[in-house]
Amino acid sequence: MKKSVKKWVQSCLAFQKTGQNLQREQGKSTETSTLFERLKAKAVAEWICRYGSPKEVTVDGGPEFGKELQDAVKKAGSRIRVTTPYYPESQGMFERGHKQLKDALVKMCEENGGKCKKYLPLVTLADRISTKGTTGSSLFELQFGQLPVLPIDIETKTFLAVEWHKISKTEELLEARAEKLEVKEGMRRKAAGKLKT
C-alpha cells in the first residue's frame, strides 16, 4: 500500500503544486550563508523601525534562523521562542495560514509558476486586509488600528480616504492619532476576547 500511495502522490498534479518534499539531495548543504543571515537580520531591523519591537518572535529551530538573526531580535528587546524545525504542527495556526496563501498563489499562477513573483504581493495584501473569523478583524486593522485605504477608496471617495491636508495644527494631528490608537487598542482587546472563546 505504501508504494501505491507514493505512486499516486507523485502523479497528483495538485500535490505537486502544493506539496512539500523535505528530503534533501545528498551532498547538498543545508547551512545558510552569512549573506542571507545578514539580510534577515536587516529585515528584522527594518520591521522594528516601521512597527516597533514585538514582544515575542517565534521561529522554528531550522538553520535559516541563525545567530545573527537571533541577536537582532534580542537587541530589539524581544523574546525568541524556538519550536521544532521542519515540524509545522508546532505552529499549526500559522502553517494553516501559509497553506491558504500557497494555495491561493497556485490558483492565481495557474500552470505558469513564473507569475509567482507578480502575484505574491497581491495575495499577501488580500490576506492582510481580509477579516479573520478567529478575531473578527483583519491583520491590517490589528496592526494599524484602522481599515486599509485602497485605491478604490480614493477613487470613489469613501469615508476611508481621510483628507489629511485639512489638519493644520499639531494638536489636531495628535488628537487624530490618539483617537486612532484608542480604536486600535479596543480592536485588539475585542480580537483577543474572540480568540479566548
C-alpha atoms as a PDB file:
ATOM      1  CA  MET A   1       0.000   0.000   0.000  1.00  0.00           C
ATOM      2  CA  LYS A   2       2.872   2.383   0.808  1.00  0.00           C
ATOM      3  CA  LYS A   3       4.176   2.044  -2.764  1.00  0.00           C
ATOM      4  CA  SER A   4       0.760   2.751  -4.308  1.00  0.00           C
ATOM      5  CA  VAL A   5       0.270   5.848  -2.108  1.00  0.00           C
ATOM      6  CA  LYS A   6       3.733   7.106  -3.092  1.00  0.00           C
ATOM      7  CA  LYS A   7       2.972   6.497  -6.778  1.00  0.00           C
ATOM      8  CA  TRP A   8      -0.389   8.282  -6.515  1.00  0.00           C
ATOM      9  CA  VAL A   9       1.168  11.277  -4.714  1.00  0.00           C
ATOM     10  CA  GLN A  10       3.884  11.538  -7.363  1.00  0.00           C
ATOM     11  CA  SER A  11       1.270  11.576 -10.131  1.00  0.00           C
ATOM     12  CA  CYS A  12      -1.123  14.028  -8.420  1.00  0.00           C
ATOM     13  CA  LEU A  13      -0.848  17.458 -10.092  1.00  0.00           C
ATOM     14  CA  ALA A  14      -2.437  19.308  -7.150  1.00  0.00           C
ATOM     15  CA  PHE A  15       0.039  17.754  -4.688  1.00  0.00           C
ATOM     16  CA  GLN A  16       2.947  18.567  -6.970  1.00  0.00           C
ATOM     17  CA  LYS A  17       1.873  22.223  -6.905  1.00  0.00           C
ATOM     18  CA  THR A  18       1.340  22.496  -3.140  1.00  0.00           C
ATOM     19  CA  GLY A  19       3.061  19.517  -1.526  1.00  0.00           C
ATOM     20  CA  GLN A  20       6.415  19.594   0.184  1.00  0.00           C
ATOM     21  CA  ASN A  21       9.316  17.294  -0.268  1.00  0.00           C
ATOM     22  CA  LEU A  22      11.521  17.698   2.761  1.00  0.00           C
ATOM     23  CA  GLN A  23      14.136  15.213   1.556  1.00  0.00           C
ATOM     24  CA  ARG A  24      17.364  16.854   0.501  1.00  0.00           C
ATOM     25  CA  GLU A  25      19.674  15.807  -2.240  1.00  0.00           C
ATOM     26  CA  GLN A  26      22.750  14.039  -0.920  1.00  0.00           C
ATOM     27  CA  GLY A  27      25.794  16.247  -0.756  1.00  0.00           C
ATOM     28  CA  LYS A  28      23.770  19.482  -0.637  1.00  0.00           C
ATOM     29  CA  SER A  29      24.483  21.738   2.310  1.00  0.00           C
ATOM     30  CA  THR A  30      21.587  22.915   4.455  1.00  0.00           C
ATOM     31  CA  GLU A  31      23.627  25.727   6.017  1.00  0.00           C
ATOM     32  CA  THR A  32      22.586  29.250   5.142  1.00  0.00           C
ATOM     33  CA  SER A  33      25.204  31.681   4.004  1.00  0.00           C
ATOM     34  CA  THR A  34      26.315  34.600   6.123  1.00  0.00           C
ATOM     35  CA  LEU A  35      24.976  36.980   3.459  1.00  0.00           C
ATOM     36  CA  PHE A  36      21.429  35.633   3.817  1.00  0.00           C
ATOM     37  CA  GLU A  37      21.683  35.720   7.588  1.00  0.00           C
ATOM     38  CA  ARG A  38      22.706  39.398   7.436  1.00  0.00           C
ATOM     39  CA  LEU A  39      19.800  40.131   5.074  1.00  0.00           C
ATOM     40  CA  LYS A  40      17.367  38.515   7.503  1.00  0.00           C
ATOM     41  CA  ALA A  41      18.829  40.488  10.406  1.00  0.00           C
ATOM     42  CA  LYS A  42      18.422  43.655   8.310  1.00  0.00           C
ATOM     43  CA  ALA A  43      14.791  42.728   7.580  1.00  0.00           C
ATOM     44  CA  VAL A  44      14.156  42.383  11.330  1.00  0.00           C
ATOM     45  CA  ALA A  45      15.725  45.805  11.917  1.00  0.00           C
ATOM     46  CA  GLU A  46      13.560  47.355   9.179  1.00  0.00           C
ATOM     47  CA  TRP A  47      10.432  45.744  10.665  1.00  0.00           C
ATOM     48  CA  ILE A  48      11.242  47.186  14.091  1.00  0.00           C
ATOM     49  CA  CYS A  49      11.903  50.643  12.637  1.00  0.00           C
ATOM     50  CA  ARG A  50       8.488  50.589  10.957  1.00  0.00           C
ATOM     51  CA  TYR A  51       6.271  48.857  13.506  1.00  0.00           C
ATOM     52  CA  GLY A  52       8.132  48.762  16.816  1.00  0.00           C
ATOM     53  CA  SER A  53       9.530  45.820  18.757  1.00  0.00           C
ATOM     54  CA  PRO A  54       7.421  42.693  19.004  1.00  0.00           C
ATOM     55  CA  LYS A  55       7.033  41.201  22.469  1.00  0.00           C
ATOM     56  CA  GLU A  56       7.941  37.741  21.199  1.00  0.00           C
ATOM     57  CA  VAL A  57       9.230  36.251  17.948  1.00  0.00           C
ATOM     58  CA  THR A  58       8.515  32.588  17.251  1.00  0.00           C
ATOM     59  CA  VAL A  59      10.856  30.737  14.890  1.00  0.00           C
ATOM     60  CA  ASP A  60      11.416  27.112  14.116  1.00  0.00           C
ATOM     61  CA  GLY A  61      14.866  25.846  15.004  1.00  0.00           C
ATOM     62  CA  GLY A  62      15.923  25.479  11.378  1.00  0.00           C
ATOM     63  CA  PRO A  63      19.284  26.716  10.108  1.00  0.00           C
ATOM     64  CA  GLU A  64      17.731  29.786   8.480  1.00  0.00           C
ATOM     65  CA  PHE A  65      17.184  31.317  11.936  1.00  0.00           C
ATOM     66  CA  GLY A  66      20.852  31.677  12.822  1.00  0.00           C
ATOM     67  CA  LYS A  67      22.785  33.622  15.399  1.00  0.00           C
ATOM     68  CA  GLU A  68      22.820  36.987  13.600  1.00  0.00           C
ATOM     69  CA  LEU A  69      19.050  36.986  13.198  1.00  0.00           C
ATOM     70  CA  GLN A  70      18.515  35.923  16.807  1.00  0.00           C
ATOM     71  CA  ASP A  71      20.927  38.627  18.008  1.00  0.00           C
ATOM     72  CA  ALA A  72      18.981  41.271  16.055  1.00  0.00           C
ATOM     73  CA  VAL A  73      15.734  40.145  17.676  1.00  0.00           C
ATOM     74  CA  LYS A  74      17.283  40.134  21.161  1.00  0.00           C
ATOM     75  CA  LYS A  75      18.778  43.613  20.659  1.00  0.00           C
ATOM     76  CA  ALA A  76      15.244  44.843  19.996  1.00  0.00           C
ATOM     77  CA  GLY A  77      14.253  43.597  23.447  1.00  0.00           C
ATOM     78  CA  SER A  78      12.091  40.809  22.068  1.00  0.00           C
ATOM     79  CA  ARG A  79      11.969  37.288  23.396  1.00  0.00           C
ATOM     80  CA  ILE A  80      12.657  34.401  20.994  1.00  0.00           C
ATOM     81  CA  ARG A  81      10.567  31.249  21.181  1.00  0.00           C
ATOM     82  CA  VAL A  82      12.093  28.363  19.228  1.00  0.00           C
ATOM     83  CA  THR A  83       9.932  25.474  18.045  1.00  0.00           C
ATOM     84  CA  THR A  84      10.919  22.179  16.464  1.00  0.00           C
ATOM     85  CA  PRO A  85      12.384  22.616  12.959  1.00  0.00           C
ATOM     86  CA  TYR A  86      10.524  21.129   9.990  1.00  0.00           C
ATOM     87  CA  TYR A  87       7.550  20.268  12.212  1.00  0.00           C
ATOM     88  CA  PRO A  88       4.689  22.500  11.019  1.00  0.00           C
ATOM     89  CA  GLU A  89       2.294  21.120  13.629  1.00  0.00           C
ATOM     90  CA  SER A  90       4.166  23.048  16.330  1.00  0.00           C
ATOM     91  CA  GLN A  91       2.981  26.288  14.710  1.00  0.00           C
ATOM     92  CA  GLY A  92      -0.314  24.969  13.400  1.00  0.00           C
ATOM     93  CA  MET A  93      -2.287  28.225  13.238  1.00  0.00           C
ATOM     94  CA  PHE A  94       0.424  29.973  11.207  1.00  0.00           C
ATOM     95  CA  GLU A  95       1.104  26.989   8.975  1.00  0.00           C
ATOM     96  CA  ARG A  96      -2.605  26.736   8.111  1.00  0.00           C
ATOM     97  CA  GLY A  97      -2.458  30.383   7.053  1.00  0.00           C
ATOM     98  CA  HIS A  98       0.637  29.712   4.973  1.00  0.00           C
ATOM     99  CA  LYS A  99      -1.119  26.812   3.264  1.00  0.00           C
ATOM    100  CA  GLN A 100      -4.027  29.076   2.319  1.00  0.00           C
ATOM    101  CA  LEU A 101      -1.603  31.665   0.916  1.00  0.00           C
ATOM    102  CA  LYS A 102       0.238  28.975  -1.014  1.00  0.00           C
ATOM    103  CA  ASP A 103      -2.993  27.512  -2.426  1.00  0.00           C
ATOM    104  CA  ALA A 104      -4.257  30.958  -3.485  1.00  0.00           C
ATOM    105  CA  LEU A 105      -0.924  31.684  -5.147  1.00  0.00           C
ATOM    106  CA  VAL A 106      -1.054  28.387  -7.039  1.00  0.00           C
ATOM    107  CA  LYS A 107      -4.558  29.221  -8.286  1.00  0.00           C
ATOM    108  CA  MET A 108      -3.509  32.728  -9.354  1.00  0.00           C
ATOM    109  CA  CYS A 109      -0.435  31.445 -11.198  1.00  0.00           C
ATOM    110  CA  GLU A 110      -2.316  28.587 -12.865  1.00  0.00           C
ATOM    111  CA  GLU A 111       0.208  26.499 -14.772  1.00  0.00           C
ATOM    112  CA  ASN A 112       2.816  29.249 -15.008  1.00  0.00           C
ATOM    113  CA  GLY A 113       4.929  29.325 -11.846  1.00  0.00           C
ATOM    114  CA  GLY A 114       6.823  32.267 -13.308  1.00  0.00           C
ATOM    115  CA  LYS A 115       3.946  34.567 -12.338  1.00  0.00           C
ATOM    116  CA  CYS A 116       4.522  33.857  -8.648  1.00  0.00           C
ATOM    117  CA  LYS A 117       6.620  36.995  -8.178  1.00  0.00           C
ATOM    118  CA  LYS A 118       3.841  39.086  -9.737  1.00  0.00           C
ATOM    119  CA  TYR A 119       1.024  37.662  -7.616  1.00  0.00           C
ATOM    120  CA  LEU A 120       2.738  37.224  -4.232  1.00  0.00           C
ATOM    121  CA  PRO A 121       2.277  40.882  -3.157  1.00  0.00           C
ATOM    122  CA  LEU A 122      -1.395  40.794  -4.228  1.00  0.00           C
ATOM    123  CA  VAL A 123      -2.120  37.540  -2.406  1.00  0.00           C
ATOM    124  CA  THR A 124      -0.373  38.682   0.788  1.00  0.00           C
ATOM    125  CA  LEU A 125      -2.194  42.052   0.684  1.00  0.00           C
ATOM    126  CA  ALA A 126      -5.511  40.252   0.194  1.00  0.00           C
ATOM    127  CA  ASP A 127      -4.693  38.109   3.244  1.00  0.00           C
ATOM    128  CA  ARG A 128      -3.701  41.108   5.374  1.00  0.00           C
ATOM    129  CA  ILE A 129      -6.868  43.090   4.599  1.00  0.00           C
ATOM    130  CA  SER A 130      -9.312  40.163   4.861  1.00  0.00           C
ATOM    131  CA  THR A 131     -11.303  39.816   8.084  1.00  0.00           C
ATOM    132  CA  LYS A 132     -10.304  36.703  10.027  1.00  0.00           C
ATOM    133  CA  GLY A 133     -13.062  34.589  11.527  1.00  0.00           C
ATOM    134  CA  THR A 134     -10.981  33.981  14.658  1.00  0.00           C
ATOM    135  CA  THR A 135     -10.585  37.680  15.559  1.00  0.00           C
ATOM    136  CA  GLY A 136     -13.315  39.462  13.607  1.00  0.00           C
ATOM    137  CA  SER A 137     -10.641  41.850  12.299  1.00  0.00           C
ATOM    138  CA  SER A 138      -8.027  41.875   9.570  1.00  0.00           C
ATOM    139  CA  LEU A 139      -4.304  41.731  10.297  1.00  0.00           C
ATOM    140  CA  PHE A 140      -4.052  45.254   8.882  1.00  0.00           C
ATOM    141  CA  GLU A 141      -6.690  46.550  11.312  1.00  0.00           C
ATOM    142  CA  LEU A 142      -4.962  44.938  14.280  1.00  0.00           C
ATOM    143  CA  GLN A 143      -1.604  46.377  13.243  1.00  0.00           C
ATOM    144  CA  PHE A 144      -2.677  49.922  12.368  1.00  0.00           C
ATOM    145  CA  GLY A 145      -5.980  50.379  14.202  1.00  0.00           C
ATOM    146  CA  GLN A 146      -7.927  51.304  11.079  1.00  0.00           C
ATOM    147  CA  LEU A 147      -9.313  49.850   7.888  1.00  0.00           C
ATOM    148  CA  PRO A 148      -6.898  49.846   4.946  1.00  0.00           C
ATOM    149  CA  VAL A 149      -7.300  52.595   2.365  1.00  0.00           C
ATOM    150  CA  LEU A 150      -7.260  51.008  -1.072  1.00  0.00           C
ATOM    151  CA  PRO A 151      -7.026  52.730  -4.469  1.00  0.00           C
ATOM    152  CA  ILE A 152     -10.777  52.203  -4.952  1.00  0.00           C
ATOM    153  CA  ASP A 153     -11.441  54.149  -1.713  1.00  0.00           C
ATOM    154  CA  ILE A 154      -9.553  57.154  -3.046  1.00  0.00           C
ATOM    155  CA  GLU A 155     -11.119  56.879  -6.488  1.00  0.00           C
ATOM    156  CA  THR A 156     -14.694  56.654  -5.161  1.00  0.00           C
ATOM    157  CA  LYS A 157     -14.016  58.972  -2.180  1.00  0.00           C
ATOM    158  CA  THR A 158     -15.201  56.584   0.529  1.00  0.00           C
ATOM    159  CA  PHE A 159     -15.085  57.520   4.205  1.00  0.00           C
ATOM    160  CA  LEU A 160     -11.690  55.788   4.460  1.00  0.00           C
ATOM    161  CA  ALA A 161      -9.979  58.381   2.296  1.00  0.00           C
ATOM    162  CA  VAL A 162      -9.171  60.885   5.048  1.00  0.00           C
ATOM    163  CA  GLU A 163      -8.215  64.333   3.839  1.00  0.00           C
ATOM    164  CA  TRP A 164      -5.112  64.817   5.951  1.00  0.00           C
ATOM    165  CA  HIS A 165      -4.328  68.154   4.309  1.00  0.00           C
ATOM    166  CA  LYS A 166      -7.222  69.630   6.318  1.00  0.00           C
ATOM    167  CA  ILE A 167      -5.319  69.021   9.554  1.00  0.00           C
ATOM    168  CA  SER A 168      -3.390  72.224  10.058  1.00  0.00           C
ATOM    169  CA  LYS A 169      -2.363  72.233  13.715  1.00  0.00           C
ATOM    170  CA  THR A 170      -0.178  69.869  15.671  1.00  0.00           C
ATOM    171  CA  GLU A 171      -2.950  69.474  18.257  1.00  0.00           C
ATOM    172  CA  GLU A 172      -5.373  68.311  15.544  1.00  0.00           C
ATOM    173  CA  LEU A 173      -2.852  65.794  14.279  1.00  0.00           C
ATOM    174  CA  LEU A 174      -2.109  64.485  17.775  1.00  0.00           C
ATOM    175  CA  GLU A 175      -5.826  64.229  18.526  1.00  0.00           C
ATOM    176  CA  ALA A 176      -6.461  62.279  15.304  1.00  0.00           C
ATOM    177  CA  ARG A 177      -3.554  59.905  16.022  1.00  0.00           C
ATOM    178  CA  ALA A 178      -4.611  59.413  19.656  1.00  0.00           C
ATOM    179  CA  GLU A 179      -8.145  58.562  18.549  1.00  0.00           C
ATOM    180  CA  LYS A 180      -6.775  56.008  16.071  1.00  0.00           C
ATOM    181  CA  LEU A 181      -4.567  54.459  18.758  1.00  0.00           C
ATOM    182  CA  GLU A 182      -7.526  54.259  21.144  1.00  0.00           C
ATOM    183  CA  VAL A 183      -9.582  52.497  18.483  1.00  0.00           C
ATOM    184  CA  LYS A 184      -6.645  50.155  17.759  1.00  0.00           C
ATOM    185  CA  GLU A 185      -6.394  49.056  21.407  1.00  0.00           C
ATOM    186  CA  GLY A 186     -10.139  48.439  21.556  1.00  0.00           C
ATOM    187  CA  MET A 187      -9.940  46.343  18.396  1.00  0.00           C
ATOM    188  CA  ARG A 188      -7.072  44.303  19.816  1.00  0.00           C
ATOM    189  CA  ARG A 189      -8.941  43.660  23.088  1.00  0.00           C
ATOM    190  CA  LYS A 190     -12.029  42.586  21.140  1.00  0.00           C
ATOM    191  CA  ALA A 191      -9.934  40.274  18.921  1.00  0.00           C
ATOM    192  CA  ALA A 192      -8.169  38.777  21.967  1.00  0.00           C
ATOM    193  CA  GLY A 193     -11.554  38.129  23.568  1.00  0.00           C
ATOM    194  CA  LYS A 194     -12.742  36.272  20.475  1.00  0.00           C
ATOM    195  CA  LEU A 195      -9.595  34.123  20.460  1.00  0.00           C
ATOM    196  CA  LYS A 196     -10.252  33.034  24.067  1.00  0.00           C
ATOM    197  CA  THR A 197     -13.797  31.868  23.331  1.00  0.00           C
END
